[in-house]
Structures are given as C-alpha cells and as structure tokens.
Amino acid sequence: MTDPDNLYNVIQKEKGCLNVVVGNAGISPLAPLESITEQQFDDTLKINVKGVLFTVQKALPILVDGGSIIRIGSASSIKGHPTAGVYSESKAAIRSFAQWWTIDLKEQKIHVNTLSPGSVETAMCRSVAHSEVVKTTFVNNLIATVPMDPIDTPDEIAKAVVFLASEDSSYVTGIELLVDGGRGLT
C-alpha cells in the first residue's frame, strides 16, 4: 500500500470507523549470509517492518475500541530457513510488536496478535529464489522439516485471520498463532 492516509480517509468517510486492521507485507530475497546485499537488507526491513508499523499506526485514529490488529509474521522468525535470514529477522520484529502494542493499546482494549504461517502458495513464495540452487535448498528444507504438507494454501491462512478478527478470539491478545503445518516442532 503506497497511500494509507488516503485509504483510511476513504474508510472514515464511507464507514466511519474500522474494526480490524491486518498488517500484511512481505518480500523475501533468499541469499546465504555471504551474499546478502545492503540493498536487500534495507528493502526487506522497509517493507516488512516499517511498512506494517506505519500502516497500523495510521489506522489507529479510526480503529474502534475493542478492535483487532492482526499482523502477518512468519514461522521462519522462530525456525529459520537456510538463505532466509533477513526475511526471518524482519518477521521476528513483527512478532515482537504483539507484546509492545498489546500493552500500548490496553486502554482501548485493542486485540493485537501475530499470525505466523509457514510457507504459503503465493507469488512471493514462488519467486523468492534467485537461483535454482537456492530454490532447491529452500524446498528440500521444507520437505525435510514440515510434518504436514510443506506448502500451505492462502485459504488456510485466511481462516486463521478470520478467527483472530472474530468474537471467538475475544480474550486472545499478544500472541503468535503458528499456522505452519508443524514446522516449528521439528
């Protein structure tokens, strides 16, 4: 999103308020430690961390008390993939926001949670590898470490987001929900 101010102005004019904000941004350049460039590092943190923080911050004036903030993290922030260090680090920052924002927003009773998927069948997942060697390493690591199917579907992730945004999660805040096929267990 390039203009959150405009988006939130339109929402305020048309709807008056916002009940849920989902902060979902991510790029994932795969590179081993010795190959990571400063530009890859800066771009990844700018989009994955700074983008989410300021998108959510700009929504706060119209987010209702008792609303929900859901940030999309990644299971790789807990258990990294080979060649995904910068991405994993950026998603660890997203996970850290849950505790900080939960306390910061307690007076408004805003629920703040992180949903951390494993690898999901998306354009980003298909395009992250810049070489066949990196892609093969990435896929082989998934197959070796994920008890269920190594690649999840966007629909499964959407169901978990709906749960965190619903009344069914009314006493859930400050947590990280892993939707990773058991990857974190191995």
C-alpha atoms as a PDB file:
ATOM      1  CA  MET A   1       0.000   0.000   0.000  1.00  0.00           C
ATOM      2  CA  THR A   2       1.518   3.275  -1.024  1.00  0.00           C
ATOM      3  CA  ASP A   3      -1.006   5.713   0.451  1.00  0.00           C
ATOM      4  CA  PRO A   4      -2.512   4.533   3.756  1.00  0.00           C
ATOM      5  CA  ASP A   5      -3.629   8.078   4.631  1.00  0.00           C
ATOM      6  CA  ASN A   6      -5.904   8.177   1.591  1.00  0.00           C
ATOM      7  CA  LEU A   7      -7.221   4.673   2.286  1.00  0.00           C
ATOM      8  CA  TYR A   8      -8.122   5.492   5.875  1.00  0.00           C
ATOM      9  CA  ASN A   9      -9.709   8.812   4.858  1.00  0.00           C
ATOM     10  CA  VAL A  10     -11.972   6.939   2.431  1.00  0.00           C
ATOM     11  CA  ILE A  11     -12.846   4.337   5.085  1.00  0.00           C
ATOM     12  CA  GLN A  12     -13.645   7.053   7.603  1.00  0.00           C
ATOM     13  CA  LYS A  13     -15.869   8.914   5.131  1.00  0.00           C
ATOM     14  CA  GLU A  14     -17.701   5.812   3.906  1.00  0.00           C
ATOM     15  CA  LYS A  15     -17.832   3.636   7.049  1.00  0.00           C
ATOM     16  CA  GLY A  16     -16.948   5.923   9.947  1.00  0.00           C
ATOM     17  CA  CYS A  17     -14.565   3.505  11.644  1.00  0.00           C
ATOM     18  CA  LEU A  18     -12.505   0.377  11.310  1.00  0.00           C
ATOM     19  CA  ASN A  19     -12.883  -2.841  13.338  1.00  0.00           C
ATOM     20  CA  VAL A  20      -9.878  -4.829  12.104  1.00  0.00           C
ATOM     21  CA  VAL A  21      -6.504  -3.956  10.627  1.00  0.00           C
ATOM     22  CA  VAL A  22      -4.400  -6.677   9.031  1.00  0.00           C
ATOM     23  CA  GLY A  23      -0.776  -5.677   8.559  1.00  0.00           C
ATOM     24  CA  ASN A  24       0.488  -7.961   5.826  1.00  0.00           C
ATOM     25  CA  ALA A  25       3.583  -7.015   3.887  1.00  0.00           C
ATOM     26  CA  GLY A  26       6.487  -9.060   2.788  1.00  0.00           C
ATOM     27  CA  ILE A  27       9.356  -9.529   0.436  1.00  0.00           C
ATOM     28  CA  SER A  28      11.850 -12.310   0.875  1.00  0.00           C
ATOM     29  CA  PRO A  29      15.084 -12.181  -1.038  1.00  0.00           C
ATOM     30  CA  LEU A  30      16.793 -15.515  -0.452  1.00  0.00           C
ATOM     31  CA  ALA A  31      20.549 -15.339  -0.154  1.00  0.00           C
ATOM     32  CA  PRO A  32      23.154 -17.011   2.026  1.00  0.00           C
ATOM     33  CA  LEU A  33      24.854 -14.790   4.595  1.00  0.00           C
ATOM     34  CA  GLU A  34      27.902 -14.168   2.428  1.00  0.00           C
ATOM     35  CA  SER A  35      25.716 -12.923  -0.467  1.00  0.00           C
ATOM     36  CA  ILE A  36      23.188 -10.641   1.246  1.00  0.00           C
ATOM     37  CA  THR A  37      23.459  -7.092  -0.029  1.00  0.00           C
ATOM     38  CA  GLU A  38      22.839  -3.924   1.918  1.00  0.00           C
ATOM     39  CA  GLN A  39      20.075  -3.055  -0.549  1.00  0.00           C
ATOM     40  CA  GLN A  40      18.300  -6.395   0.080  1.00  0.00           C
ATOM     41  CA  PHE A  41      18.536  -5.802   3.817  1.00  0.00           C
ATOM     42  CA  ASP A  42      17.211  -2.226   3.617  1.00  0.00           C
ATOM     43  CA  ASP A  43      14.385  -3.081   1.202  1.00  0.00           C
ATOM     44  CA  THR A  44      13.247  -6.054   3.291  1.00  0.00           C
ATOM     45  CA  LEU A  45      13.105  -4.116   6.555  1.00  0.00           C
ATOM     46  CA  LYS A  46      11.488  -1.102   4.897  1.00  0.00           C
ATOM     47  CA  ILE A  47       8.608  -3.161   3.515  1.00  0.00           C
ATOM     48  CA  ASN A  48       8.255  -5.928   6.095  1.00  0.00           C
ATOM     49  CA  VAL A  49       8.744  -3.886   9.285  1.00  0.00           C
ATOM     50  CA  LYS A  50       8.413  -0.176   8.610  1.00  0.00           C
ATOM     51  CA  GLY A  51       5.511  -0.673   6.205  1.00  0.00           C
ATOM     52  CA  VAL A  52       3.488  -2.692   8.716  1.00  0.00           C
ATOM     53  CA  LEU A  53       4.236  -0.380  11.636  1.00  0.00           C
ATOM     54  CA  PHE A  54       3.151   2.807   9.884  1.00  0.00           C
ATOM     55  CA  THR A  55       0.171   1.219   8.132  1.00  0.00           C
ATOM     56  CA  VAL A  56      -1.177   0.162  11.527  1.00  0.00           C
ATOM     57  CA  GLN A  57      -0.222   3.442  13.212  1.00  0.00           C
ATOM     58  CA  LYS A  58      -2.143   5.464  10.624  1.00  0.00           C
ATOM     59  CA  ALA A  59      -5.240   3.291  11.189  1.00  0.00           C
ATOM     60  CA  LEU A  60      -5.363   3.915  14.954  1.00  0.00           C
ATOM     61  CA  PRO A  61      -7.480   7.113  14.837  1.00  0.00           C
ATOM     62  CA  ILE A  62     -10.364   5.218  13.212  1.00  0.00           C
ATOM     63  CA  LEU A  63      -9.869   1.800  14.859  1.00  0.00           C
ATOM     64  CA  VAL A  64     -12.686   1.159  17.324  1.00  0.00           C
ATOM     65  CA  ASP A  65     -12.050   0.352  20.977  1.00  0.00           C
ATOM     66  CA  GLY A  66     -12.057  -3.422  21.266  1.00  0.00           C
ATOM     67  CA  GLY A  67     -10.948  -3.791  17.644  1.00  0.00           C
ATOM     68  CA  SER A  68      -8.243  -6.089  16.346  1.00  0.00           C
ATOM     69  CA  ILE A  69      -4.819  -5.638  14.858  1.00  0.00           C
ATOM     70  CA  ILE A  70      -3.500  -8.736  13.143  1.00  0.00           C
ATOM     71  CA  ARG A  71      -0.002  -8.724  11.762  1.00  0.00           C
ATOM     72  CA  ILE A  72       1.234 -11.406   9.451  1.00  0.00           C
ATOM     73  CA  GLY A  73       4.560 -12.731  10.662  1.00  0.00           C
ATOM     74  CA  SER A  74       6.261 -15.948   9.625  1.00  0.00           C
ATOM     75  CA  ALA A  75       7.155 -19.271  11.176  1.00  0.00           C
ATOM     76  CA  SER A  76      10.659 -18.632   9.857  1.00  0.00           C
ATOM     77  CA  SER A  77      11.089 -16.000  12.576  1.00  0.00           C
ATOM     78  CA  ILE A  78      11.199 -18.887  15.046  1.00  0.00           C
ATOM     79  CA  LYS A  79      12.861 -21.559  12.979  1.00  0.00           C
ATOM     80  CA  GLY A  80      14.739 -20.136  10.049  1.00  0.00           C
ATOM     81  CA  HIS A  81      15.218 -21.431   6.560  1.00  0.00           C
ATOM     82  CA  PRO A  82      18.641 -21.601   5.014  1.00  0.00           C
ATOM     83  CA  THR A  83      19.167 -18.426   2.952  1.00  0.00           C
ATOM     84  CA  ALA A  84      16.197 -16.564   4.516  1.00  0.00           C
ATOM     85  CA  GLY A  85      17.991 -14.747   7.339  1.00  0.00           C
ATOM     86  CA  VAL A  86      16.961 -11.178   6.541  1.00  0.00           C
ATOM     87  CA  TYR A  87      13.328 -12.163   5.959  1.00  0.00           C
ATOM     88  CA  SER A  88      13.289 -14.177   9.207  1.00  0.00           C
ATOM     89  CA  GLU A  89      14.741 -11.242  11.136  1.00  0.00           C
ATOM     90  CA  SER A  90      12.126  -8.868   9.728  1.00  0.00           C
ATOM     91  CA  LYS A  91       9.298 -11.183  10.740  1.00  0.00           C
ATOM     92  CA  ALA A  92      10.768 -11.563  14.251  1.00  0.00           C
ATOM     93  CA  ALA A  93      10.315  -7.798  14.576  1.00  0.00           C
ATOM     94  CA  ILE A  94       6.649  -8.197  13.596  1.00  0.00           C
ATOM     95  CA  ARG A  95       6.233 -10.852  16.302  1.00  0.00           C
ATOM     96  CA  SER A  96       7.789  -8.502  18.852  1.00  0.00           C
ATOM     97  CA  PHE A  97       5.219  -5.818  18.022  1.00  0.00           C
ATOM     98  CA  ALA A  98       2.449  -8.000  19.515  1.00  0.00           C
ATOM     99  CA  GLN A  99       3.721  -7.627  23.072  1.00  0.00           C
ATOM    100  CA  TRP A 100       4.599  -3.953  22.701  1.00  0.00           C
ATOM    101  CA  TRP A 101       1.341  -2.922  21.035  1.00  0.00           C
ATOM    102  CA  THR A 102      -0.817  -5.041  23.359  1.00  0.00           C
ATOM    103  CA  ILE A 103       0.467  -3.041  26.316  1.00  0.00           C
ATOM    104  CA  ASP A 104       0.435   0.280  24.449  1.00  0.00           C
ATOM    105  CA  LEU A 105      -3.204  -0.192  23.393  1.00  0.00           C
ATOM    106  CA  LYS A 106      -4.614  -1.783  26.555  1.00  0.00           C
ATOM    107  CA  GLU A 107      -6.780   1.240  27.427  1.00  0.00           C
ATOM    108  CA  GLN A 108      -8.586   0.859  24.106  1.00  0.00           C
ATOM    109  CA  LYS A 109      -8.832  -2.922  24.646  1.00  0.00           C
ATOM    110  CA  ILE A 110      -7.498  -3.487  21.150  1.00  0.00           C
ATOM    111  CA  HIS A 111      -6.518  -7.095  20.483  1.00  0.00           C
ATOM    112  CA  VAL A 112      -3.068  -7.349  18.935  1.00  0.00           C
ATOM    113  CA  ASN A 113      -1.959 -10.688  17.562  1.00  0.00           C
ATOM    114  CA  THR A 114       0.517 -12.127  15.113  1.00  0.00           C
ATOM    115  CA  LEU A 115      -0.389 -14.876  12.693  1.00  0.00           C
ATOM    116  CA  SER A 116       2.730 -16.693  11.526  1.00  0.00           C
ATOM    117  CA  PRO A 117       2.288 -19.007   8.574  1.00  0.00           C
ATOM    118  CA  GLY A 118       4.824 -21.441   7.251  1.00  0.00           C
ATOM    119  CA  SER A 119       5.419 -21.376   3.517  1.00  0.00           C
ATOM    120  CA  VAL A 120       2.256 -20.426   1.647  1.00  0.00           C
ATOM    121  CA  GLU A 121       1.500 -20.935  -2.044  1.00  0.00           C
ATOM    122  CA  THR A 122       1.785 -17.304  -3.116  1.00  0.00           C
ATOM    123  CA  ALA A 123       3.599 -15.353  -5.798  1.00  0.00           C
ATOM    124  CA  MET A 124       6.224 -14.377  -3.205  1.00  0.00           C
ATOM    125  CA  CYS A 125       6.868 -17.990  -2.255  1.00  0.00           C
ATOM    126  CA  ARG A 126       7.210 -18.963  -5.923  1.00  0.00           C
ATOM    127  CA  SER A 127       9.555 -16.110  -6.785  1.00  0.00           C
ATOM    128  CA  VAL A 128      11.908 -15.728  -3.815  1.00  0.00           C
ATOM    129  CA  ALA A 129      14.704 -17.898  -5.101  1.00  0.00           C
ATOM    130  CA  HIS A 130      17.094 -16.089  -7.402  1.00  0.00           C
ATOM    131  CA  SER A 131      18.815 -19.318  -8.451  1.00  0.00           C
ATOM    132  CA  GLU A 132      17.943 -22.989  -8.805  1.00  0.00           C
ATOM    133  CA  VAL A 133      20.435 -23.869  -6.046  1.00  0.00           C
ATOM    134  CA  VAL A 134      18.722 -21.542  -3.559  1.00  0.00           C
ATOM    135  CA  LYS A 135      15.261 -22.753  -4.631  1.00  0.00           C
ATOM    136  CA  THR A 136      16.274 -26.413  -4.288  1.00  0.00           C
ATOM    137  CA  THR A 137      17.780 -25.792  -0.831  1.00  0.00           C
ATOM    138  CA  PHE A 138      14.612 -23.985   0.271  1.00  0.00           C
ATOM    139  CA  VAL A 139      12.200 -26.672  -0.983  1.00  0.00           C
ATOM    140  CA  ASN A 140      14.294 -29.575   0.321  1.00  0.00           C
ATOM    141  CA  ASN A 141      14.442 -27.951   3.763  1.00  0.00           C
ATOM    142  CA  LEU A 142      10.640 -27.639   3.801  1.00  0.00           C
ATOM    143  CA  ILE A 143      10.080 -31.242   2.772  1.00  0.00           C
ATOM    144  CA  ALA A 144      12.516 -32.436   5.448  1.00  0.00           C
ATOM    145  CA  THR A 145      11.095 -30.361   8.302  1.00  0.00           C
ATOM    146  CA  VAL A 146       7.315 -29.978   7.880  1.00  0.00           C
ATOM    147  CA  PRO A 147       5.185 -32.893   9.185  1.00  0.00           C
ATOM    148  CA  MET A 148       2.156 -31.895   7.096  1.00  0.00           C
ATOM    149  CA  ASP A 149       2.203 -30.619   3.515  1.00  0.00           C
ATOM    150  CA  PRO A 150       5.250 -28.339   3.255  1.00  0.00           C
ATOM    151  CA  ILE A 151       3.317 -25.614   1.410  1.00  0.00           C
ATOM    152  CA  ASP A 152       0.087 -24.190   2.870  1.00  0.00           C
ATOM    153  CA  THR A 153      -2.763 -22.504   0.997  1.00  0.00           C
ATOM    154  CA  PRO A 154      -3.892 -18.889   1.302  1.00  0.00           C
ATOM    155  CA  ASP A 155      -7.362 -20.173   2.314  1.00  0.00           C
ATOM    156  CA  GLU A 156      -5.961 -21.854   5.439  1.00  0.00           C
ATOM    157  CA  ILE A 157      -4.243 -18.634   6.458  1.00  0.00           C
ATOM    158  CA  ALA A 158      -7.410 -16.614   5.780  1.00  0.00           C
ATOM    159  CA  LYS A 159      -9.397 -18.897   8.122  1.00  0.00           C
ATOM    160  CA  ALA A 160      -6.943 -18.181  10.930  1.00  0.00           C
ATOM    161  CA  VAL A 161      -7.150 -14.421  10.256  1.00  0.00           C
ATOM    162  CA  VAL A 162     -10.956 -14.614  10.427  1.00  0.00           C
ATOM    163  CA  PHE A 163     -10.686 -16.395  13.788  1.00  0.00           C
ATOM    164  CA  LEU A 164      -8.371 -13.713  15.214  1.00  0.00           C
ATOM    165  CA  ALA A 165     -10.712 -10.975  13.943  1.00  0.00           C
ATOM    166  CA  SER A 166     -13.842 -12.624  15.362  1.00  0.00           C
ATOM    167  CA  GLU A 167     -15.586 -12.614  18.721  1.00  0.00           C
ATOM    168  CA  ASP A 168     -14.372 -16.210  19.129  1.00  0.00           C
ATOM    169  CA  SER A 169     -10.960 -14.754  19.997  1.00  0.00           C
ATOM    170  CA  SER A 170     -12.252 -12.036  22.337  1.00  0.00           C
ATOM    171  CA  TYR A 171      -9.792 -12.950  25.114  1.00  0.00           C
ATOM    172  CA  VAL A 172      -6.842 -13.623  22.825  1.00  0.00           C
ATOM    173  CA  THR A 173      -4.231 -10.882  22.635  1.00  0.00           C
ATOM    174  CA  GLY A 174      -0.477 -10.540  22.492  1.00  0.00           C
ATOM    175  CA  ILE A 175       0.026 -13.984  20.993  1.00  0.00           C
ATOM    176  CA  GLU A 176       1.616 -15.523  17.965  1.00  0.00           C
ATOM    177  CA  LEU A 177      -0.548 -18.121  16.237  1.00  0.00           C
ATOM    178  CA  LEU A 178       1.560 -20.514  14.186  1.00  0.00           C
ATOM    179  CA  VAL A 179      -0.164 -21.893  11.100  1.00  0.00           C
ATOM    180  CA  ASP A 180       2.832 -23.802   9.813  1.00  0.00           C
ATOM    181  CA  GLY A 181       1.930 -27.471   9.404  1.00  0.00           C
ATOM    182  CA  GLY A 182       4.000 -28.345  12.469  1.00  0.00           C
ATOM    183  CA  ARG A 183       7.241 -26.928  11.095  1.00  0.00           C
ATOM    184  CA  GLY A 184       8.168 -25.412  14.447  1.00  0.00           C
ATOM    185  CA  LEU A 185       8.081 -28.839  16.087  1.00  0.00           C
ATOM    186  CA  THR A 186      10.887 -30.398  14.090  1.00  0.00           C
END
